[in-house]
Each structure stands twice: as structure tokens, then as C-alpha cells.
Amino acid sequence: MLYCYDENTGDLALVKGSPESFEIVSSFGITRGSGKHWAHPAISDARLYIRHGEALMVYDIKQK
């Protein structure tokens, strides 16, 4: 599984990737912050960190 962050639209997608296909499992838009979406997402201790301008969002991605 891959997390893909679109620098133009701010959409974040969870993608199941393989040599044959690119399947989006889920996605959502980053709505807080301003400016370009250039910061790279980071994962630590089952948390996904997204920075957009002056805003920092943290998402719990631990498998339930």
C-alpha cells in the first residue's frame, strides 16, 4: 500500500500498487493550510503526518 499526495490538488490517496495496476482504495482532500502542497507526508508510530503551509495534520493509520 502507498500513500500518494497530489501537490496540485492536495488530495491524499491510499493506493494498492502492483506492476499491473494502480488501484485507489480511499482518498480525501487536505483542506487546512495554504499555499503549495509540497511537504512530503511522514509516517511514525502508526501516525501519518501531513504539513500544508502553516497547518500540521496527524492521522491515526493503525490497522484496526
PDB file of N, CA and C in Angstrom:
ATOM      1  N   MET A   1       0.846  -1.171   0.000  1.00  0.00           N
ATOM      2  CA  MET A   1       0.000   0.000   0.000  1.00  0.00           C
ATOM      3  C   MET A   1       0.897   1.242   0.000  1.00  0.00           C
ATOM      4  N   LEU A   2       0.467   2.252  -0.728  1.00  0.00           N
ATOM      5  CA  LEU A   2       1.200   3.506  -0.853  1.00  0.00           C
ATOM      6  C   LEU A   2       0.301   4.666  -0.474  1.00  0.00           C
ATOM      7  N   TYR A   3       0.874   5.692   0.120  1.00  0.00           N
ATOM      8  CA  TYR A   3       0.169   6.951   0.322  1.00  0.00           C
ATOM      9  C   TYR A   3       0.671   7.904  -0.742  1.00  0.00           C
ATOM     10  N   CYS A   4      -0.220   8.427  -1.566  1.00  0.00           N
ATOM     11  CA  CYS A   4       0.138   9.341  -2.654  1.00  0.00           C
ATOM     12  C   CYS A   4      -0.505  10.694  -2.395  1.00  0.00           C
ATOM     13  N   TYR A   5       0.300  11.738  -2.430  1.00  0.00           N
ATOM     14  CA  TYR A   5      -0.145  13.101  -2.110  1.00  0.00           C
ATOM     15  C   TYR A   5       0.024  13.959  -3.362  1.00  0.00           C
ATOM     16  N   ASP A   6      -1.071  14.487  -3.888  1.00  0.00           N
ATOM     17  CA  ASP A   6      -1.045  15.295  -5.104  1.00  0.00           C
ATOM     18  C   ASP A   6      -0.667  16.732  -4.765  1.00  0.00           C
ATOM     19  N   GLU A   7       0.444  17.203  -5.296  1.00  0.00           N
ATOM     20  CA  GLU A   7       0.920  18.546  -4.968  1.00  0.00           C
ATOM     21  C   GLU A   7       0.059  19.653  -5.560  1.00  0.00           C
ATOM     22  N   ASN A   8      -0.736  19.368  -6.567  1.00  0.00           N
ATOM     23  CA  ASN A   8      -1.578  20.396  -7.186  1.00  0.00           C
ATOM     24  C   ASN A   8      -2.933  20.535  -6.498  1.00  0.00           C
ATOM     25  N   THR A   9      -3.574  19.415  -6.184  1.00  0.00           N
ATOM     26  CA  THR A   9      -4.933  19.469  -5.637  1.00  0.00           C
ATOM     27  C   THR A   9      -4.987  19.267  -4.134  1.00  0.00           C
ATOM     28  N   GLY A  10      -3.920  18.703  -3.538  1.00  0.00           N
ATOM     29  CA  GLY A  10      -3.931  18.414  -2.108  1.00  0.00           C
ATOM     30  C   GLY A  10      -4.687  17.146  -1.762  1.00  0.00           C
ATOM     31  N   ASP A  11      -4.989  16.317  -2.745  1.00  0.00           N
ATOM     32  CA  ASP A  11      -5.662  15.047  -2.473  1.00  0.00           C
ATOM     33  C   ASP A  11      -4.645  14.031  -1.980  1.00  0.00           C
ATOM     34  N   LEU A  12      -5.048  13.266  -0.985  1.00  0.00           N
ATOM     35  CA  LEU A  12      -4.224  12.194  -0.450  1.00  0.00           C
ATOM     36  C   LEU A  12      -4.949  10.887  -0.721  1.00  0.00           C
ATOM     37  N   ALA A  13      -4.257   9.902  -1.273  1.00  0.00           N
ATOM     38  CA  ALA A  13      -4.891   8.636  -1.626  1.00  0.00           C
ATOM     39  C   ALA A  13      -4.093   7.473  -1.057  1.00  0.00           C
ATOM     40  N   LEU A  14      -4.814   6.469  -0.598  1.00  0.00           N
ATOM     41  CA  LEU A  14      -4.222   5.190  -0.228  1.00  0.00           C
ATOM     42  C   LEU A  14      -4.367   4.309  -1.451  1.00  0.00           C
ATOM     43  N   VAL A  15      -3.236   3.820  -1.952  1.00  0.00           N
ATOM     44  CA  VAL A  15      -3.221   3.133  -3.239  1.00  0.00           C
ATOM     45  C   VAL A  15      -2.631   1.732  -3.080  1.00  0.00           C
ATOM     46  N   LYS A  16      -3.303   0.779  -3.690  1.00  0.00           N
ATOM     47  CA  LYS A  16      -2.763  -0.572  -3.779  1.00  0.00           C
ATOM     48  C   LYS A  16      -2.036  -0.641  -5.118  1.00  0.00           C
ATOM     49  N   GLY A  17      -0.725  -0.729  -5.048  1.00  0.00           N
ATOM     50  CA  GLY A  17       0.061  -0.711  -6.268  1.00  0.00           C
ATOM     51  C   GLY A  17       0.609  -2.083  -6.623  1.00  0.00           C
ATOM     52  N   SER A  18       0.707  -2.321  -7.887  1.00  0.00           N
ATOM     53  CA  SER A  18       1.324  -3.539  -8.405  1.00  0.00           C
ATOM     54  C   SER A  18       1.891  -3.212  -9.788  1.00  0.00           C
ATOM     55  N   PRO A  19       2.708  -4.086 -10.352  1.00  0.00           N
ATOM     56  CA  PRO A  19       3.231  -3.818 -11.695  1.00  0.00           C
ATOM     57  C   PRO A  19       2.126  -3.714 -12.751  1.00  0.00           C
ATOM     58  N   GLU A  20       0.975  -4.312 -12.479  1.00  0.00           N
ATOM     59  CA  GLU A  20      -0.119  -4.320 -13.459  1.00  0.00           C
ATOM     60  C   GLU A  20      -1.135  -3.199 -13.276  1.00  0.00           C
ATOM     61  N   SER A  21      -1.259  -2.665 -12.043  1.00  0.00           N
ATOM     62  CA  SER A  21      -2.342  -1.697 -11.822  1.00  0.00           C
ATOM     63  C   SER A  21      -2.010  -0.708 -10.707  1.00  0.00           C
ATOM     64  N   PHE A  22      -2.841   0.308 -10.618  1.00  0.00           N
ATOM     65  CA  PHE A  22      -2.757   1.374  -9.631  1.00  0.00           C
ATOM     66  C   PHE A  22      -4.187   1.575  -9.147  1.00  0.00           C
ATOM     67  N   GLU A  23      -4.554   0.948  -8.021  1.00  0.00           N
ATOM     68  CA  GLU A  23      -5.940   0.954  -7.545  1.00  0.00           C
ATOM     69  C   GLU A  23      -6.080   1.833  -6.306  1.00  0.00           C
ATOM     70  N   ILE A  24      -6.885   2.901  -6.408  1.00  0.00           N
ATOM     71  CA  ILE A  24      -7.129   3.776  -5.266  1.00  0.00           C
ATOM     72  C   ILE A  24      -8.116   3.086  -4.331  1.00  0.00           C
ATOM     73  N   VAL A  25      -7.678   2.848  -3.097  1.00  0.00           N
ATOM     74  CA  VAL A  25      -8.511   2.199  -2.084  1.00  0.00           C
ATOM     75  C   VAL A  25      -9.384   3.236  -1.393  1.00  0.00           C
ATOM     76  N   SER A  26      -8.812   4.396  -1.055  1.00  0.00           N
ATOM     77  CA  SER A  26      -9.561   5.501  -0.461  1.00  0.00           C
ATOM     78  C   SER A  26      -8.791   6.791  -0.698  1.00  0.00           C
ATOM     79  N   SER A  27      -9.489   7.920  -0.555  1.00  0.00           N
ATOM     80  CA  SER A  27      -8.834   9.211  -0.743  1.00  0.00           C
ATOM     81  C   SER A  27      -9.624  10.307  -0.044  1.00  0.00           C
ATOM     82  N   PHE A  28      -8.945  11.414   0.212  1.00  0.00           N
ATOM     83  CA  PHE A  28      -9.594  12.605   0.769  1.00  0.00           C
ATOM     84  C   PHE A  28      -8.727  13.812   0.459  1.00  0.00           C
ATOM     85  N   GLY A  29      -9.306  14.991   0.578  1.00  0.00           N
ATOM     86  CA  GLY A  29      -8.586  16.233   0.303  1.00  0.00           C
ATOM     87  C   GLY A  29      -8.088  16.891   1.576  1.00  0.00           C
ATOM     88  N   ILE A  30      -6.891  17.468   1.504  1.00  0.00           N
ATOM     89  CA  ILE A  30      -6.339  18.240   2.618  1.00  0.00           C
ATOM     90  C   ILE A  30      -6.908  19.654   2.489  1.00  0.00           C
ATOM     91  N   THR A  31      -7.685  20.072   3.466  1.00  0.00           N
ATOM     92  CA  THR A  31      -8.394  21.356   3.374  1.00  0.00           C
ATOM     93  C   THR A  31      -7.812  22.433   4.279  1.00  0.00           C
ATOM     94  N   ARG A  32      -6.950  22.085   5.213  1.00  0.00           N
ATOM     95  CA  ARG A  32      -6.354  23.092   6.098  1.00  0.00           C
ATOM     96  C   ARG A  32      -5.007  23.527   5.543  1.00  0.00           C
ATOM     97  N   GLY A  33      -4.607  24.733   5.885  1.00  0.00           N
ATOM     98  CA  GLY A  33      -3.331  25.257   5.409  1.00  0.00           C
ATOM     99  C   GLY A  33      -3.511  26.038   4.125  1.00  0.00           C
ATOM    100  N   SER A  34      -2.393  26.564   3.626  1.00  0.00           N
ATOM    101  CA  SER A  34      -2.445  27.359   2.406  1.00  0.00           C
ATOM    102  C   SER A  34      -1.154  27.204   1.622  1.00  0.00           C
ATOM    103  N   GLY A  35      -1.191  27.626   0.375  1.00  0.00           N
ATOM    104  CA  GLY A  35      -0.019  27.550  -0.487  1.00  0.00           C
ATOM    105  C   GLY A  35       0.081  26.211  -1.189  1.00  0.00           C
ATOM    106  N   LYS A  36       1.248  25.946  -1.753  1.00  0.00           N
ATOM    107  CA  LYS A  36       1.501  24.709  -2.487  1.00  0.00           C
ATOM    108  C   LYS A  36       1.560  23.513  -1.534  1.00  0.00           C
ATOM    109  N   HIS A  37       1.209  22.364  -2.050  1.00  0.00           N
ATOM    110  CA  HIS A  37       1.256  21.114  -1.289  1.00  0.00           C
ATOM    111  C   HIS A  37       2.590  20.425  -1.579  1.00  0.00           C
ATOM    112  N   TRP A  38       3.675  20.955  -1.049  1.00  0.00           N
ATOM    113  CA  TRP A  38       4.995  20.441  -1.392  1.00  0.00           C
ATOM    114  C   TRP A  38       5.631  19.595  -0.298  1.00  0.00           C
ATOM    115  N   ALA A  39       5.167  19.662   0.921  1.00  0.00           N
ATOM    116  CA  ALA A  39       5.780  18.883   2.002  1.00  0.00           C
ATOM    117  C   ALA A  39       5.468  17.400   1.819  1.00  0.00           C
ATOM    118  N   HIS A  40       6.445  16.564   2.064  1.00  0.00           N
ATOM    119  CA  HIS A  40       6.244  15.125   1.941  1.00  0.00           C
ATOM    120  C   HIS A  40       5.549  14.582   3.182  1.00  0.00           C
ATOM    121  N   PRO A  41       4.586  13.687   3.004  1.00  0.00           N
ATOM    122  CA  PRO A  41       3.976  13.033   4.163  1.00  0.00           C
ATOM    123  C   PRO A  41       5.027  12.209   4.904  1.00  0.00           C
ATOM    124  N   ALA A  42       4.821  12.036   6.199  1.00  0.00           N
ATOM    125  CA  ALA A  42       5.721  11.215   7.013  1.00  0.00           C
ATOM    126  C   ALA A  42       4.890  10.282   7.873  1.00  0.00           C
ATOM    127  N   ILE A  43       5.430   9.095   8.127  1.00  0.00           N
ATOM    128  CA  ILE A  43       4.752   8.113   8.971  1.00  0.00           C
ATOM    129  C   ILE A  43       5.671   7.753  10.120  1.00  0.00           C
ATOM    130  N   SER A  44       5.115   7.770  11.357  1.00  0.00           N
ATOM    131  CA  SER A  44       5.852   7.370  12.539  1.00  0.00           C
ATOM    132  C   SER A  44       4.868   6.839  13.567  1.00  0.00           C
ATOM    133  N   ASP A  45       5.168   5.689  14.138  1.00  0.00           N
ATOM    134  CA  ASP A  45       4.331   5.085  15.184  1.00  0.00           C
ATOM    135  C   ASP A  45       2.862   5.004  14.776  1.00  0.00           C
ATOM    136  N   ALA A  46       2.605   4.524  13.583  1.00  0.00           N
ATOM    137  CA  ALA A  46       1.244   4.329  13.060  1.00  0.00           C
ATOM    138  C   ALA A  46       0.459   5.639  12.959  1.00  0.00           C
ATOM    139  N   ARG A  47       1.176   6.731  12.736  1.00  0.00           N
ATOM    140  CA  ARG A  47       0.537   8.035  12.513  1.00  0.00           C
ATOM    141  C   ARG A  47       1.081   8.625  11.218  1.00  0.00           C
ATOM    142  N   LEU A  48       0.167   9.191  10.432  1.00  0.00           N
ATOM    143  CA  LEU A  48       0.526   9.847   9.176  1.00  0.00           C
ATOM    144  C   LEU A  48       0.501  11.352   9.415  1.00  0.00           C
ATOM    145  N   TYR A  49       1.620  12.015   9.135  1.00  0.00           N
ATOM    146  CA  TYR A  49       1.751  13.463   9.327  1.00  0.00           C
ATOM    147  C   TYR A  49       1.734  14.151   7.967  1.00  0.00           C
ATOM    148  N   ILE A  50       0.870  15.161   7.841  1.00  0.00           N
ATOM    149  CA  ILE A  50       0.771  15.956   6.619  1.00  0.00           C
ATOM    150  C   ILE A  50       0.909  17.427   7.003  1.00  0.00           C
ATOM    151  N   ARG A  51       1.880  18.120   6.396  1.00  0.00           N
ATOM    152  CA  ARG A  51       2.012  19.564   6.608  1.00  0.00           C
ATOM    153  C   ARG A  51       1.601  20.270   5.333  1.00  0.00           C
ATOM    154  N   HIS A  52       0.779  21.286   5.505  1.00  0.00           N
ATOM    155  CA  HIS A  52       0.377  22.137   4.378  1.00  0.00           C
ATOM    156  C   HIS A  52       0.465  23.576   4.850  1.00  0.00           C
ATOM    157  N   GLY A  53       1.502  24.277   4.394  1.00  0.00           N
ATOM    158  CA  GLY A  53       1.714  25.653   4.840  1.00  0.00           C
ATOM    159  C   GLY A  53       1.933  25.680   6.335  1.00  0.00           C
ATOM    160  N   GLU A  54       1.130  26.435   7.051  1.00  0.00           N
ATOM    161  CA  GLU A  54       1.276  26.588   8.495  1.00  0.00           C
ATOM    162  C   GLU A  54       0.508  25.525   9.287  1.00  0.00           C
ATOM    163  N   ALA A  55      -0.195  24.638   8.621  1.00  0.00           N
ATOM    164  CA  ALA A  55      -1.018  23.623   9.294  1.00  0.00           C
ATOM    165  C   ALA A  55      -0.316  22.263   9.295  1.00  0.00           C
ATOM    166  N   LEU A  56      -0.465  21.536  10.402  1.00  0.00           N
ATOM    167  CA  LEU A  56       0.039  20.174  10.511  1.00  0.00           C
ATOM    168  C   LEU A  56      -1.112  19.286  10.957  1.00  0.00           C
ATOM    169  N   MET A  57      -1.405  18.260  10.170  1.00  0.00           N
ATOM    170  CA  MET A  57      -2.473  17.319  10.488  1.00  0.00           C
ATOM    171  C   MET A  57      -1.846  15.964  10.790  1.00  0.00           C
ATOM    172  N   VAL A  58      -2.446  15.241  11.744  1.00  0.00           N
ATOM    173  CA  VAL A  58      -1.963  13.913  12.120  1.00  0.00           C
ATOM    174  C   VAL A  58      -3.143  12.957  12.043  1.00  0.00           C
ATOM    175  N   TYR A  59      -2.931  11.823  11.373  1.00  0.00           N
ATOM    176  CA  TYR A  59      -3.984  10.820  11.178  1.00  0.00           C
ATOM    177  C   TYR A  59      -3.514   9.485  11.750  1.00  0.00           C
ATOM    178  N   ASP A  60      -4.360   8.851  12.538  1.00  0.00           N
ATOM    179  CA  ASP A  60      -4.075   7.535  13.080  1.00  0.00           C
ATOM    180  C   ASP A  60      -4.306   6.507  11.967  1.00  0.00           C
ATOM    181  N   ILE A  61      -3.260   5.796  11.554  1.00  0.00           N
ATOM    182  CA  ILE A  61      -3.399   4.832  10.468  1.00  0.00           C
ATOM    183  C   ILE A  61      -3.170   3.398  10.963  1.00  0.00           C
ATOM    184  N   LYS A  62      -3.256   3.222  12.277  1.00  0.00           N
ATOM    185  CA  LYS A  62      -3.070   1.877  12.822  1.00  0.00           C
ATOM    186  C   LYS A  62      -4.174   0.964  12.334  1.00  0.00           C
ATOM    187  N   GLN A  63      -3.765  -0.233  11.906  1.00  0.00           N
ATOM    188  CA  GLN A  63      -4.742  -1.202  11.435  1.00  0.00           C
ATOM    189  C   GLN A  63      -5.610  -1.645  12.608  1.00  0.00           C
ATOM    190  N   LYS A  64      -6.908  -1.615  12.425  1.00  0.00           N
ATOM    191  CA  LYS A  64      -7.854  -1.961  13.500  1.00  0.00           C
ATOM    192  C   LYS A  64      -8.192  -3.425  13.457  1.00  0.00           C
TER     193      LYS A  64
END
